[in-house]
Protein backbone atom coordinates (compact mmCIF):
# COMPACT_ATOMS: atom_id res chain seq x y z
CA UNK A 1 215.64 91.12 164.21
CA UNK A 2 213.38 90.82 161.10
CA UNK A 3 216.41 90.05 159.01
CA UNK A 4 217.42 87.22 161.33
CA UNK A 5 213.86 85.78 161.06
CA UNK A 6 213.89 85.94 157.41
CA UNK A 7 217.22 84.26 157.10
CA UNK A 8 216.16 81.47 159.41
CA UNK A 9 213.02 80.96 157.54
CA UNK A 10 214.86 80.76 154.24
CA UNK A 11 217.42 78.20 155.70
CA UNK A 12 214.52 76.03 157.08
CA UNK A 13 212.66 76.07 153.82
CA UNK A 14 215.69 75.79 151.71
CA UNK A 15 215.12 79.14 149.82
CA UNK A 16 218.20 79.88 148.05
CA UNK A 17 217.50 83.22 146.36
CA UNK A 18 216.94 85.29 149.51
CA UNK A 19 217.01 88.71 147.61
CA UNK A 20 214.21 87.55 145.25
CA UNK A 21 212.25 86.13 148.28
CA UNK A 22 212.44 89.50 150.18
CA UNK A 23 211.26 91.44 146.94
CA UNK A 24 208.32 89.08 146.96
CA UNK A 25 207.55 89.73 150.58
CA UNK A 26 207.70 93.44 150.11
CA UNK A 27 205.53 93.28 146.93
CA UNK A 28 202.87 91.24 148.98
CA UNK A 29 203.07 93.64 151.90
CA UNK A 30 202.47 96.67 149.66
CA UNK A 31 199.63 94.93 148.01
CA UNK A 32 198.00 94.25 151.32
CA UNK A 33 198.65 97.99 152.47
CA UNK A 34 197.26 99.12 149.08
CA UNK A 35 194.15 96.99 148.72
CA UNK A 36 193.45 95.56 152.17
CA UNK A 37 193.96 92.06 153.59
CA UNK A 38 190.83 90.63 152.10
CA UNK A 39 188.97 91.30 149.06
CA UNK A 40 185.46 92.97 149.57
CA UNK A 41 182.61 91.52 147.93
CA UNK A 42 180.23 93.77 145.96
CA UNK A 43 176.56 93.28 146.84
CA UNK A 44 174.20 93.85 144.12
CA UNK A 45 170.42 93.97 144.91
CA UNK A 46 167.53 94.03 142.61
CA UNK A 47 164.20 95.34 143.93
CA UNK A 48 161.14 94.46 142.12
CA UNK A 49 157.58 95.58 142.80
CA UNK A 50 154.66 93.96 141.17
CA UNK A 51 150.98 93.57 142.07
CA UNK A 52 150.16 89.78 141.94
CA UNK A 53 146.79 88.97 140.66
CA UNK A 54 146.58 85.25 140.56
CA UNK A 55 147.91 81.94 141.99
CA UNK A 56 149.71 80.95 138.94
CA UNK A 57 151.78 84.02 138.85
CA UNK A 58 152.56 83.54 142.59
CA UNK A 59 153.80 80.05 141.78
CA UNK A 60 155.76 81.22 138.94
CA UNK A 61 157.42 83.96 140.95
CA UNK A 62 158.15 81.62 143.88
CA UNK A 63 159.88 79.21 141.56
CA UNK A 64 162.03 82.10 140.10
CA UNK A 65 163.05 83.19 143.64
CA UNK A 66 164.01 79.63 144.66
CA UNK A 67 166.13 79.57 141.46
CA UNK A 68 167.88 82.84 142.33
CA UNK A 69 168.44 81.65 145.79
CA UNK A 70 170.06 78.47 144.49
CA UNK A 71 172.26 80.54 142.11
CA UNK A 72 173.34 82.67 145.03
CA UNK A 73 174.14 79.78 147.18
CA UNK A 74 176.15 78.30 144.47
CA UNK A 75 178.15 81.59 143.97
CA UNK A 76 178.80 81.77 147.69
CA UNK A 77 180.24 78.21 147.66
CA UNK A 78 182.45 78.97 144.70
CA UNK A 79 183.63 82.20 146.42
CA UNK A 80 184.40 80.17 149.65
CA UNK A 81 186.39 77.55 147.75
CA UNK A 82 188.48 80.17 145.86
CA UNK A 83 189.19 82.11 149.18
CA UNK A 84 190.50 78.78 150.66
CA UNK A 85 192.59 78.24 147.61
CA UNK A 86 194.43 81.45 148.20
CA UNK A 87 197.28 81.85 150.70
CA UNK A 88 197.04 84.68 153.39
CA UNK A 89 198.46 87.18 150.84
CA UNK A 90 195.72 86.70 148.33
CA UNK A 91 197.90 84.72 145.79
CA UNK A 92 196.84 81.55 144.31
């Protein structure tokens, strides 16, 4: 049954080298089996402990925190965009 589906798909999509197409499918399936369907993001945390002694220091740390948050948001947007650019097999 799967053979018929592949042949029909190839016919509808005008794929002429069916053997090459089937090898591609097997490689994609093996990659998914080996690594999983979606890449797993690595979470990195940095814990900082510090005694804050004055308002200027609080303000400076607050600005640094806001900058780090903005960088994280930018990275998340870039990752989301890259994921949307990949097909369901994880290939560009």
